[in-house]
Amino acid sequence: MPPAGPSTSRHALPAWAVVTPERLGHIERVAALAAEWAEAMGTPDLERERWLRAVWLHDALRDAPPEELERWAPGTPGRPELRHGPASAARAKAEGETDRGLLDAVRYHSLGLAEWDRAGRILYCADYLEPGREFARPHRAALARGLPSDPDGVLRQVAADRLAHLVASGWPILDPTVRFWNSLADGSSR
């Protein structure tokens, strides 16, 4: 598939992105949800912009060929489909992104990260709760509605849901995910 076209606005994919039309729809829904939450939570404009930059970057290389993912994220542990976050973060950094919190949000959005700031937490939740996903729609919609008033509680439930899926799948649970969950469970996360 061809790379996405050049960015035409502040809230658009980078010119180097490789996404299908379906993936673009997903990213747009994640962005809409994050923007909705920012408005409901009275988030300052600069922080809202960070959230949205992370959203537009998180799946920018999700549909890239394996060779490109390996080029940008060599030796990334776990299943191949987990490479797109680290690859997108590495590419964004190479293109000049310097916000470490934003880069960590993108890099670990599929896994979770105990050290995340709010941008990572919002991306993690919005990526899971966006309304275009087919599974558990009523449950996820209720969580999405509740996030502005209880972001930490919703984050914990999203992490629990995602962890339960990993356990049921039989896939290995990588160290960042274990540390993320433990930080939520013992209350040591920010």
N, C-alpha and C. Protein backbone atom coordinates (compact mmCIF):
# COMPACT_ATOMS: atom_id res chain seq x y z
N MET A 1 0.84 -1.17 0.00
CA MET A 1 0.00 0.00 0.00
C MET A 1 0.88 1.23 0.00
N PRO A 2 0.41 2.32 -0.57
CA PRO A 2 1.24 3.53 -0.65
C PRO A 2 1.28 4.24 0.69
N PRO A 3 2.35 4.98 0.94
CA PRO A 3 2.42 5.78 2.15
C PRO A 3 1.33 6.84 2.15
N ALA A 4 0.96 7.30 3.32
CA ALA A 4 0.00 8.39 3.42
C ALA A 4 0.62 9.64 2.82
N GLY A 5 -0.24 10.54 2.38
CA GLY A 5 0.24 11.77 1.78
C GLY A 5 0.80 12.73 2.81
N PRO A 6 1.33 13.85 2.37
CA PRO A 6 1.91 14.81 3.30
C PRO A 6 0.86 15.37 4.24
N SER A 7 1.31 15.76 5.41
CA SER A 7 0.42 16.36 6.39
C SER A 7 -0.12 17.67 5.84
N THR A 8 -1.42 17.87 6.01
CA THR A 8 -2.02 19.10 5.53
C THR A 8 -2.51 19.97 6.68
N SER A 9 -2.48 19.43 7.89
CA SER A 9 -2.85 20.22 9.06
C SER A 9 -2.05 19.73 10.25
N ARG A 10 -2.20 20.44 11.33
CA ARG A 10 -1.50 20.07 12.56
C ARG A 10 -1.95 18.70 13.06
N HIS A 11 -3.19 18.34 12.79
CA HIS A 11 -3.72 17.06 13.23
C HIS A 11 -3.90 16.15 12.03
N ALA A 12 -2.79 15.62 11.57
CA ALA A 12 -2.81 14.72 10.44
C ALA A 12 -1.64 13.76 10.57
N LEU A 13 -1.71 12.73 9.79
CA LEU A 13 -0.60 11.78 9.77
C LEU A 13 0.66 12.43 9.23
N PRO A 14 1.81 11.99 9.70
CA PRO A 14 3.05 12.49 9.11
C PRO A 14 3.18 11.98 7.68
N ALA A 15 3.95 12.67 6.87
CA ALA A 15 4.12 12.31 5.47
C ALA A 15 4.69 10.90 5.30
N TRP A 16 5.42 10.40 6.28
CA TRP A 16 6.05 9.08 6.19
C TRP A 16 5.15 7.93 6.64
N ALA A 17 3.94 8.24 7.05
CA ALA A 17 3.03 7.20 7.56
C ALA A 17 2.65 6.20 6.46
N VAL A 18 2.40 4.97 6.88
CA VAL A 18 1.93 3.91 5.99
C VAL A 18 0.71 3.29 6.66
N VAL A 19 -0.48 3.69 6.18
CA VAL A 19 -1.73 3.21 6.77
C VAL A 19 -2.74 2.90 5.68
N THR A 20 -3.59 1.93 5.97
CA THR A 20 -4.71 1.62 5.09
C THR A 20 -5.84 2.62 5.37
N PRO A 21 -6.82 2.72 4.48
CA PRO A 21 -7.97 3.58 4.77
C PRO A 21 -8.68 3.16 6.07
N GLU A 22 -8.76 1.87 6.33
CA GLU A 22 -9.38 1.40 7.57
C GLU A 22 -8.60 1.88 8.79
N ARG A 23 -7.30 1.81 8.72
CA ARG A 23 -6.45 2.26 9.82
C ARG A 23 -6.61 3.76 10.03
N LEU A 24 -6.68 4.51 8.95
CA LEU A 24 -6.89 5.95 9.07
C LEU A 24 -8.20 6.23 9.80
N GLY A 25 -9.25 5.48 9.47
CA GLY A 25 -10.52 5.64 10.18
C GLY A 25 -10.37 5.40 11.67
N HIS A 26 -9.62 4.36 12.02
CA HIS A 26 -9.36 4.07 13.44
C HIS A 26 -8.64 5.25 14.09
N ILE A 27 -7.60 5.75 13.46
CA ILE A 27 -6.82 6.86 14.04
C ILE A 27 -7.71 8.09 14.21
N GLU A 28 -8.56 8.37 13.23
CA GLU A 28 -9.46 9.51 13.32
C GLU A 28 -10.43 9.35 14.49
N ARG A 29 -10.93 8.14 14.72
CA ARG A 29 -11.84 7.91 15.85
C ARG A 29 -11.11 8.05 17.19
N VAL A 30 -9.87 7.57 17.25
CA VAL A 30 -9.07 7.73 18.47
C VAL A 30 -8.85 9.22 18.73
N ALA A 31 -8.54 9.99 17.69
CA ALA A 31 -8.33 11.43 17.84
C ALA A 31 -9.60 12.13 18.31
N ALA A 32 -10.74 11.76 17.73
CA ALA A 32 -12.00 12.39 18.13
C ALA A 32 -12.30 12.11 19.60
N LEU A 33 -12.06 10.89 20.04
CA LEU A 33 -12.31 10.53 21.44
C LEU A 33 -11.37 11.29 22.37
N ALA A 34 -10.10 11.34 22.04
CA ALA A 34 -9.14 12.08 22.87
C ALA A 34 -9.50 13.56 22.94
N ALA A 35 -9.90 14.14 21.81
CA ALA A 35 -10.30 15.55 21.79
C ALA A 35 -11.55 15.78 22.63
N GLU A 36 -12.49 14.86 22.55
CA GLU A 36 -13.72 14.95 23.35
C GLU A 36 -13.37 14.92 24.84
N TRP A 37 -12.51 14.00 25.23
CA TRP A 37 -12.10 13.92 26.64
C TRP A 37 -11.37 15.18 27.08
N ALA A 38 -10.49 15.70 26.23
CA ALA A 38 -9.74 16.91 26.58
C ALA A 38 -10.70 18.06 26.86
N GLU A 39 -11.71 18.19 26.02
CA GLU A 39 -12.72 19.24 26.20
C GLU A 39 -13.48 19.03 27.50
N ALA A 40 -13.94 17.82 27.74
CA ALA A 40 -14.72 17.52 28.95
C ALA A 40 -13.91 17.70 30.23
N MET A 41 -12.61 17.48 30.14
CA MET A 41 -11.75 17.56 31.32
C MET A 41 -11.12 18.95 31.49
N GLY A 42 -11.41 19.87 30.58
CA GLY A 42 -10.84 21.20 30.67
C GLY A 42 -9.32 21.20 30.52
N THR A 43 -8.84 20.32 29.67
CA THR A 43 -7.40 20.16 29.48
C THR A 43 -6.81 21.39 28.77
N PRO A 44 -5.72 21.93 29.27
CA PRO A 44 -5.09 23.08 28.59
C PRO A 44 -4.72 22.74 27.14
N ASP A 45 -4.75 23.74 26.30
CA ASP A 45 -4.51 23.54 24.87
C ASP A 45 -3.19 22.84 24.56
N LEU A 46 -2.11 23.22 25.25
CA LEU A 46 -0.81 22.60 24.95
C LEU A 46 -0.82 21.11 25.27
N GLU A 47 -1.47 20.72 26.35
CA GLU A 47 -1.54 19.30 26.69
C GLU A 47 -2.45 18.56 25.71
N ARG A 48 -3.56 19.19 25.35
CA ARG A 48 -4.46 18.59 24.34
C ARG A 48 -3.70 18.35 23.04
N GLU A 49 -2.87 19.29 22.64
CA GLU A 49 -2.08 19.14 21.42
C GLU A 49 -1.11 17.96 21.53
N ARG A 50 -0.51 17.75 22.70
CA ARG A 50 0.37 16.60 22.91
C ARG A 50 -0.41 15.30 22.73
N TRP A 51 -1.59 15.24 23.34
CA TRP A 51 -2.41 14.03 23.23
C TRP A 51 -2.68 13.72 21.76
N LEU A 52 -3.06 14.75 21.01
CA LEU A 52 -3.42 14.53 19.61
C LEU A 52 -2.20 14.22 18.75
N ARG A 53 -1.06 14.81 19.05
CA ARG A 53 0.16 14.42 18.31
C ARG A 53 0.46 12.95 18.54
N ALA A 54 0.33 12.50 19.78
CA ALA A 54 0.56 11.08 20.08
C ALA A 54 -0.43 10.20 19.32
N VAL A 55 -1.68 10.60 19.28
CA VAL A 55 -2.69 9.83 18.55
C VAL A 55 -2.32 9.69 17.08
N TRP A 56 -1.96 10.80 16.45
CA TRP A 56 -1.67 10.75 15.01
C TRP A 56 -0.40 9.98 14.69
N LEU A 57 0.47 9.83 15.68
CA LEU A 57 1.70 9.06 15.47
C LEU A 57 1.57 7.58 15.83
N HIS A 58 0.65 7.22 16.72
CA HIS A 58 0.69 5.89 17.34
C HIS A 58 0.61 4.73 16.36
N ASP A 59 -0.17 4.85 15.31
CA ASP A 59 -0.30 3.78 14.32
C ASP A 59 0.25 4.19 12.96
N ALA A 60 1.10 5.21 12.94
CA ALA A 60 1.60 5.74 11.66
C ALA A 60 2.32 4.70 10.82
N LEU A 61 2.92 3.70 11.45
CA LEU A 61 3.60 2.64 10.70
C LEU A 61 2.94 1.27 10.91
N ARG A 62 1.70 1.27 11.34
CA ARG A 62 1.01 0.00 11.64
C ARG A 62 0.90 -0.91 10.41
N ASP A 63 0.80 -0.33 9.25
CA ASP A 63 0.64 -1.12 8.03
C ASP A 63 1.90 -1.12 7.16
N ALA A 64 3.01 -0.74 7.75
CA ALA A 64 4.29 -0.74 7.03
C ALA A 64 4.78 -2.18 6.86
N PRO A 65 5.58 -2.43 5.84
CA PRO A 65 6.12 -3.78 5.65
C PRO A 65 7.06 -4.16 6.80
N PRO A 66 7.18 -5.46 7.07
CA PRO A 66 8.03 -5.92 8.18
C PRO A 66 9.46 -5.38 8.13
N GLU A 67 10.00 -5.23 6.92
CA GLU A 67 11.38 -4.73 6.80
C GLU A 67 11.50 -3.30 7.33
N GLU A 68 10.48 -2.48 7.07
CA GLU A 68 10.52 -1.10 7.56
C GLU A 68 10.39 -1.06 9.08
N LEU A 69 9.52 -1.90 9.61
CA LEU A 69 9.37 -1.97 11.07
C LEU A 69 10.66 -2.43 11.73
N GLU A 70 11.31 -3.41 11.13
CA GLU A 70 12.57 -3.91 11.68
C GLU A 70 13.66 -2.84 11.57
N ARG A 71 13.62 -2.06 10.51
CA ARG A 71 14.60 -0.97 10.34
C ARG A 71 14.49 0.05 11.46
N TRP A 72 13.25 0.42 11.81
CA TRP A 72 13.04 1.45 12.82
C TRP A 72 13.00 0.90 14.24
N ALA A 73 12.70 -0.38 14.40
CA ALA A 73 12.60 -0.97 15.74
C ALA A 73 13.29 -2.32 15.77
N PRO A 74 14.60 -2.33 15.50
CA PRO A 74 15.31 -3.61 15.44
C PRO A 74 15.31 -4.30 16.80
N GLY A 75 15.07 -5.59 16.76
CA GLY A 75 15.14 -6.39 17.98
C GLY A 75 14.03 -6.15 18.98
N THR A 76 12.94 -5.50 18.57
CA THR A 76 11.83 -5.28 19.50
C THR A 76 11.27 -6.62 19.94
N PRO A 77 11.17 -6.85 21.26
CA PRO A 77 10.66 -8.14 21.73
C PRO A 77 9.16 -8.28 21.49
N GLY A 78 8.70 -9.51 21.51
CA GLY A 78 7.27 -9.77 21.38
C GLY A 78 6.86 -10.08 19.96
N ARG A 79 5.57 -10.18 19.78
CA ARG A 79 4.99 -10.50 18.48
C ARG A 79 5.29 -9.39 17.46
N PRO A 80 5.42 -9.76 16.18
CA PRO A 80 5.74 -8.75 15.16
C PRO A 80 4.75 -7.58 15.13
N GLU A 81 3.47 -7.83 15.39
CA GLU A 81 2.49 -6.75 15.33
C GLU A 81 2.68 -5.71 16.45
N LEU A 82 3.59 -5.97 17.38
CA LEU A 82 3.89 -5.00 18.43
C LEU A 82 5.00 -4.03 18.03
N ARG A 83 5.58 -4.20 16.87
CA ARG A 83 6.71 -3.35 16.45
C ARG A 83 6.30 -1.97 15.97
N HIS A 84 5.04 -1.80 15.59
CA HIS A 84 4.66 -0.53 14.98
C HIS A 84 4.78 0.66 15.94
N GLY A 85 4.51 0.45 17.23
CA GLY A 85 4.64 1.55 18.20
C GLY A 85 6.09 2.01 18.34
N PRO A 86 7.00 1.08 18.66
CA PRO A 86 8.41 1.48 18.74
C PRO A 86 8.93 2.05 17.42
N ALA A 87 8.50 1.48 16.29
CA ALA A 87 8.96 1.98 14.99
C ALA A 87 8.45 3.39 14.74
N SER A 88 7.18 3.64 15.03
CA SER A 88 6.62 4.98 14.84
C SER A 88 7.31 6.00 15.74
N ALA A 89 7.58 5.61 16.99
CA ALA A 89 8.28 6.52 17.91
C ALA A 89 9.69 6.83 17.42
N ALA A 90 10.40 5.80 16.96
CA ALA A 90 11.76 6.01 16.47
C ALA A 90 11.76 6.91 15.24
N ARG A 91 10.81 6.68 14.35
CA ARG A 91 10.75 7.51 13.15
C ARG A 91 10.40 8.96 13.50
N ALA A 92 9.44 9.13 14.42
CA ALA A 92 9.07 10.49 14.83
C ALA A 92 10.27 11.20 15.46
N LYS A 93 11.02 10.49 16.28
CA LYS A 93 12.22 11.08 16.89
C LYS A 93 13.23 11.46 15.82
N ALA A 94 13.43 10.60 14.83
CA ALA A 94 14.36 10.89 13.74
C ALA A 94 13.91 12.11 12.93
N GLU A 95 12.59 12.34 12.91
CA GLU A 95 12.04 13.48 12.17
C GLU A 95 11.99 14.75 13.01
N GLY A 96 12.46 14.67 14.28
CA GLY A 96 12.56 15.87 15.08
C GLY A 96 11.69 15.95 16.32
N GLU A 97 10.85 14.96 16.58
CA GLU A 97 10.03 14.99 17.80
C GLU A 97 10.93 14.81 19.01
N THR A 98 10.80 15.70 19.99
CA THR A 98 11.67 15.66 21.16
C THR A 98 10.93 15.42 22.47
N ASP A 99 9.63 15.39 22.46
CA ASP A 99 8.84 15.23 23.68
C ASP A 99 8.89 13.77 24.12
N ARG A 100 9.66 13.51 25.16
CA ARG A 100 9.86 12.12 25.60
C ARG A 100 8.55 11.46 26.05
N GLY A 101 7.70 12.20 26.75
CA GLY A 101 6.42 11.65 27.18
C GLY A 101 5.57 11.23 26.00
N LEU A 102 5.56 12.06 24.97
CA LEU A 102 4.81 11.74 23.76
C LEU A 102 5.41 10.53 23.06
N LEU A 103 6.73 10.49 22.95
CA LEU A 103 7.39 9.35 22.30
C LEU A 103 7.15 8.06 23.09
N ASP A 104 7.16 8.13 24.42
CA ASP A 104 6.85 6.95 25.23
C ASP A 104 5.40 6.52 25.04
N ALA A 105 4.49 7.48 24.90
CA ALA A 105 3.09 7.16 24.65
C ALA A 105 2.96 6.33 23.37
N VAL A 106 3.62 6.77 22.33
CA VAL A 106 3.57 6.08 21.04
C VAL A 106 4.28 4.73 21.13
N ARG A 107 5.46 4.71 21.68
CA ARG A 107 6.29 3.50 21.75
C ARG A 107 5.58 2.37 22.49
N TYR A 108 4.91 2.69 23.59
CA TYR A 108 4.34 1.66 24.46
C TYR A 108 2.82 1.57 24.40
N HIS A 109 2.17 2.18 23.41
CA HIS A 109 0.71 2.22 23.42
C HIS A 109 0.05 0.85 23.36
N SER A 110 0.73 -0.16 22.87
CA SER A 110 0.17 -1.51 22.83
C SER A 110 0.46 -2.30 24.10
N LEU A 111 1.39 -1.83 24.90
CA LEU A 111 1.86 -2.59 26.06
C LEU A 111 1.46 -1.98 27.40
N GLY A 112 1.54 -0.67 27.49
CA GLY A 112 1.41 0.01 28.76
C GLY A 112 2.79 0.34 29.30
N LEU A 113 2.87 1.39 30.11
CA LEU A 113 4.14 1.82 30.69
C LEU A 113 3.86 2.47 32.04
N ALA A 114 4.49 1.95 33.08
CA ALA A 114 4.28 2.47 34.43
C ALA A 114 4.62 3.95 34.54
N GLU A 115 5.61 4.40 33.79
CA GLU A 115 6.09 5.78 33.90
C GLU A 115 5.34 6.78 33.03
N TRP A 116 4.29 6.38 32.37
CA TRP A 116 3.57 7.28 31.48
C TRP A 116 3.08 8.54 32.16
N ASP A 117 3.06 9.62 31.40
CA ASP A 117 2.33 10.80 31.82
C ASP A 117 0.92 10.69 31.23
N ARG A 118 0.14 11.76 31.35
CA ARG A 118 -1.27 11.70 30.93
C ARG A 118 -1.41 11.40 29.43
N ALA A 119 -0.50 11.86 28.59
CA ALA A 119 -0.62 11.60 27.15
C ALA A 119 -0.61 10.10 26.86
N GLY A 120 0.26 9.36 27.49
CA GLY A 120 0.31 7.91 27.29
C GLY A 120 -0.94 7.22 27.78
N ARG A 121 -1.43 7.66 28.92
CA ARG A 121 -2.62 7.05 29.51
C ARG A 121 -3.86 7.31 28.65
N ILE A 122 -3.98 8.52 28.15
CA ILE A 122 -5.12 8.86 27.29
C ILE A 122 -5.05 8.07 25.99
N LEU A 123 -3.87 8.01 25.38
CA LEU A 123 -3.73 7.25 24.13
C LEU A 123 -4.08 5.78 24.35
N TYR A 124 -3.57 5.18 25.40
CA TYR A 124 -3.83 3.77 25.71
C TYR A 124 -5.33 3.52 25.83
N CYS A 125 -6.03 4.39 26.53
CA CYS A 125 -7.47 4.22 26.71
C CYS A 125 -8.23 4.49 25.41
N ALA A 126 -7.91 5.58 24.73
CA ALA A 126 -8.64 5.94 23.51
C ALA A 126 -8.44 4.90 22.41
N ASP A 127 -7.25 4.34 22.32
CA ASP A 127 -6.97 3.31 21.32
C ASP A 127 -7.86 2.09 21.55
N TYR A 128 -8.09 1.74 22.79
CA TYR A 128 -8.91 0.58 23.13
C TYR A 128 -10.41 0.90 23.08
N LEU A 129 -10.79 2.10 23.47
CA LEU A 129 -12.20 2.44 23.64
C LEU A 129 -12.84 3.09 22.42
N GLU A 130 -12.08 3.40 21.38
CA GLU A 130 -12.69 4.06 20.22
C GLU A 130 -13.86 3.23 19.71
N PRO A 131 -14.95 3.89 19.29
CA PRO A 131 -16.20 3.19 19.02
C PRO A 131 -16.23 2.30 17.77
N GLY A 132 -15.23 2.34 16.94
CA GLY A 132 -15.23 1.51 15.74
C GLY A 132 -14.86 0.06 15.99
N ARG A 133 -14.31 -0.23 17.14
CA ARG A 133 -13.94 -1.61 17.45
C ARG A 133 -15.22 -2.41 17.71
N GLU A 134 -15.22 -3.66 17.25
CA GLU A 134 -16.43 -4.48 17.26
C GLU A 134 -16.77 -5.14 18.59
N PHE A 135 -15.80 -5.40 19.44
CA PHE A 135 -16.02 -6.23 20.62
C PHE A 135 -16.50 -5.40 21.82
N ALA A 136 -17.30 -6.02 22.66
CA ALA A 136 -17.73 -5.46 23.96
C ALA A 136 -18.14 -3.99 23.85
N ARG A 137 -18.93 -3.66 22.84
CA ARG A 137 -19.26 -2.25 22.61
C ARG A 137 -19.94 -1.56 23.79
N PRO A 138 -20.98 -2.16 24.40
CA PRO A 138 -21.61 -1.45 25.53
C PRO A 138 -20.64 -1.20 26.70
N HIS A 139 -19.84 -2.19 27.02
CA HIS A 139 -18.86 -2.06 28.10
C HIS A 139 -17.85 -0.97 27.78
N ARG A 140 -17.32 -0.99 26.58
CA ARG A 140 -16.31 0.00 26.21
C ARG A 140 -16.91 1.40 26.10
N ALA A 141 -18.16 1.49 25.61
CA ALA A 141 -18.81 2.81 25.53
C ALA A 141 -19.02 3.40 26.92
N ALA A 142 -19.39 2.56 27.88
CA ALA A 142 -19.57 3.04 29.25
C ALA A 142 -18.24 3.54 29.83
N LEU A 143 -17.18 2.80 29.57
CA LEU A 143 -15.86 3.25 30.03
C LEU A 143 -15.48 4.58 29.38
N ALA A 144 -15.71 4.71 28.08
CA ALA A 144 -15.37 5.95 27.37
C ALA A 144 -16.14 7.13 27.96
N ARG A 145 -17.43 6.93 28.25
CA ARG A 145 -18.22 8.00 28.85
C ARG A 145 -17.69 8.37 30.24
N GLY A 146 -17.18 7.39 30.96
CA GLY A 146 -16.73 7.63 32.32
C GLY A 146 -15.33 8.21 32.46
N LEU A 147 -14.55 8.17 31.40
CA LEU A 147 -13.15 8.59 31.54
C LEU A 147 -12.98 10.04 32.03
N PRO A 148 -13.72 11.02 31.52
CA PRO A 148 -13.47 12.39 32.00
C PRO A 148 -13.65 12.57 33.51
N SER A 149 -14.55 11.82 34.12
CA SER A 149 -14.77 11.97 35.56
C SER A 149 -13.94 11.01 36.40
N ASP A 150 -13.41 9.95 35.79
CA ASP A 150 -12.61 8.97 36.55
C ASP A 150 -11.50 8.40 35.67
N PRO A 151 -10.55 9.24 35.24
CA PRO A 151 -9.53 8.74 34.32
C PRO A 151 -8.68 7.61 34.89
N ASP A 152 -8.36 7.66 36.17
CA ASP A 152 -7.53 6.60 36.74
C ASP A 152 -8.30 5.29 36.87
N GLY A 153 -9.57 5.36 37.25
CA GLY A 153 -10.39 4.15 37.34
C GLY A 153 -10.61 3.51 35.98
N VAL A 154 -10.87 4.33 34.97
CA VAL A 154 -11.06 3.80 33.62
C VAL A 154 -9.75 3.21 33.10
N LEU A 155 -8.65 3.89 33.33
CA LEU A 155 -7.35 3.35 32.91
C LEU A 155 -7.13 1.97 33.52
N ARG A 156 -7.39 1.83 34.78
CA ARG A 156 -7.20 0.54 35.45
C ARG A 156 -8.09 -0.54 34.83
N GLN A 157 -9.35 -0.19 34.52
CA GLN A 157 -10.25 -1.18 33.92
C GLN A 157 -9.81 -1.54 32.50
N VAL A 158 -9.38 -0.55 31.73
CA VAL A 158 -8.89 -0.83 30.38
C VAL A 158 -7.67 -1.75 30.46
N ALA A 159 -6.75 -1.46 31.36
CA ALA A 159 -5.57 -2.31 31.52
C ALA A 159 -5.98 -3.72 31.93
N ALA A 160 -6.95 -3.85 32.83
CA ALA A 160 -7.43 -5.17 33.26
C ALA A 160 -8.04 -5.93 32.08
N ASP A 161 -8.85 -5.24 31.28
CA ASP A 161 -9.46 -5.87 30.11
C ASP A 161 -8.40 -6.35 29.13
N ARG A 162 -7.43 -5.51 28.87
CA ARG A 162 -6.38 -5.86 27.91
C ARG A 162 -5.51 -6.99 28.44
N LEU A 163 -5.22 -6.98 29.72
CA LEU A 163 -4.43 -8.04 30.33
C LEU A 163 -5.19 -9.37 30.30
N ALA A 164 -6.49 -9.33 30.57
CA ALA A 164 -7.31 -10.56 30.50
C ALA A 164 -7.28 -11.14 29.09
N HIS A 165 -7.33 -10.27 28.09
CA HIS A 165 -7.25 -10.74 26.70
C HIS A 165 -5.91 -11.41 26.43
N LEU A 166 -4.84 -10.80 26.91
CA LEU A 166 -3.51 -11.40 26.72
C LEU A 166 -3.41 -12.77 27.38
N VAL A 167 -3.90 -12.88 28.59
CA VAL A 167 -3.86 -14.16 29.30
C VAL A 167 -4.68 -15.20 28.54
N ALA A 168 -5.88 -14.83 28.11
CA ALA A 168 -6.74 -15.76 27.38
C ALA A 168 -6.12 -16.18 26.05
N SER A 169 -5.35 -15.30 25.44
CA SER A 169 -4.74 -15.60 24.14
C SER A 169 -3.57 -16.56 24.26
N GLY A 170 -2.99 -16.64 25.45
CA GLY A 170 -1.81 -17.48 25.64
C GLY A 170 -0.52 -16.81 25.21
N TRP A 171 -0.58 -15.53 24.82
CA TRP A 171 0.62 -14.81 24.42
C TRP A 171 1.45 -14.46 25.65
N PRO A 172 2.76 -14.34 25.48
CA PRO A 172 3.60 -13.90 26.60
C PRO A 172 3.22 -12.47 27.01
N ILE A 173 3.34 -12.20 28.28
CA ILE A 173 3.10 -10.85 28.79
C ILE A 173 4.47 -10.23 29.03
N LEU A 174 4.75 -9.19 28.27
CA LEU A 174 6.07 -8.56 28.31
C LEU A 174 6.25 -7.72 29.58
N ASP A 175 7.49 -7.53 29.97
CA ASP A 175 7.83 -6.84 31.21
C ASP A 175 7.19 -5.46 31.34
N PRO A 176 7.18 -4.61 30.30
CA PRO A 176 6.54 -3.30 30.49
C PRO A 176 5.06 -3.42 30.89
N THR A 177 4.37 -4.43 30.34
CA THR A 177 2.96 -4.62 30.67
C THR A 177 2.80 -5.07 32.12
N VAL A 178 3.65 -5.97 32.55
CA VAL A 178 3.61 -6.45 33.94
C VAL A 178 3.87 -5.28 34.89
N ARG A 179 4.90 -4.48 34.62
CA ARG A 179 5.22 -3.34 35.48
C ARG A 179 4.09 -2.30 35.47
N PHE A 180 3.49 -2.09 34.30
CA PHE A 180 2.37 -1.15 34.18
C PHE A 180 1.21 -1.61 35.06
N TRP A 181 0.81 -2.87 34.91
CA TRP A 181 -0.29 -3.38 35.72
C TRP A 181 0.03 -3.29 37.21
N ASN A 182 1.22 -3.70 37.59
CA ASN A 182 1.59 -3.67 39.01
C ASN A 182 1.56 -2.24 39.55
N SER A 183 1.95 -1.28 38.75
CA SER A 183 1.91 0.12 39.20
C SER A 183 0.47 0.59 39.41
N LEU A 184 -0.45 0.10 38.58
CA LEU A 184 -1.86 0.44 38.75
C LEU A 184 -2.44 -0.28 39.96
N ALA A 185 -2.08 -1.54 40.12
CA ALA A 185 -2.63 -2.36 41.21
C ALA A 185 -2.17 -1.87 42.58
N ASP A 186 -0.92 -1.42 42.66
CA ASP A 186 -0.43 -1.00 43.99
C ASP A 186 -0.49 0.51 44.19
N GLY A 187 -1.03 1.21 43.19
CA GLY A 187 -1.21 2.65 43.32
C GLY A 187 0.04 3.48 43.19
N SER A 188 1.11 2.90 42.67
CA SER A 188 2.37 3.65 42.57
C SER A 188 2.50 4.43 41.27
N SER A 189 1.55 4.25 40.36
CA SER A 189 1.64 5.00 39.10
C SER A 189 1.28 6.46 39.35
N ARG A 190 1.72 7.31 38.44
CA ARG A 190 1.48 8.75 38.60
C ARG A 190 0.02 9.07 38.50
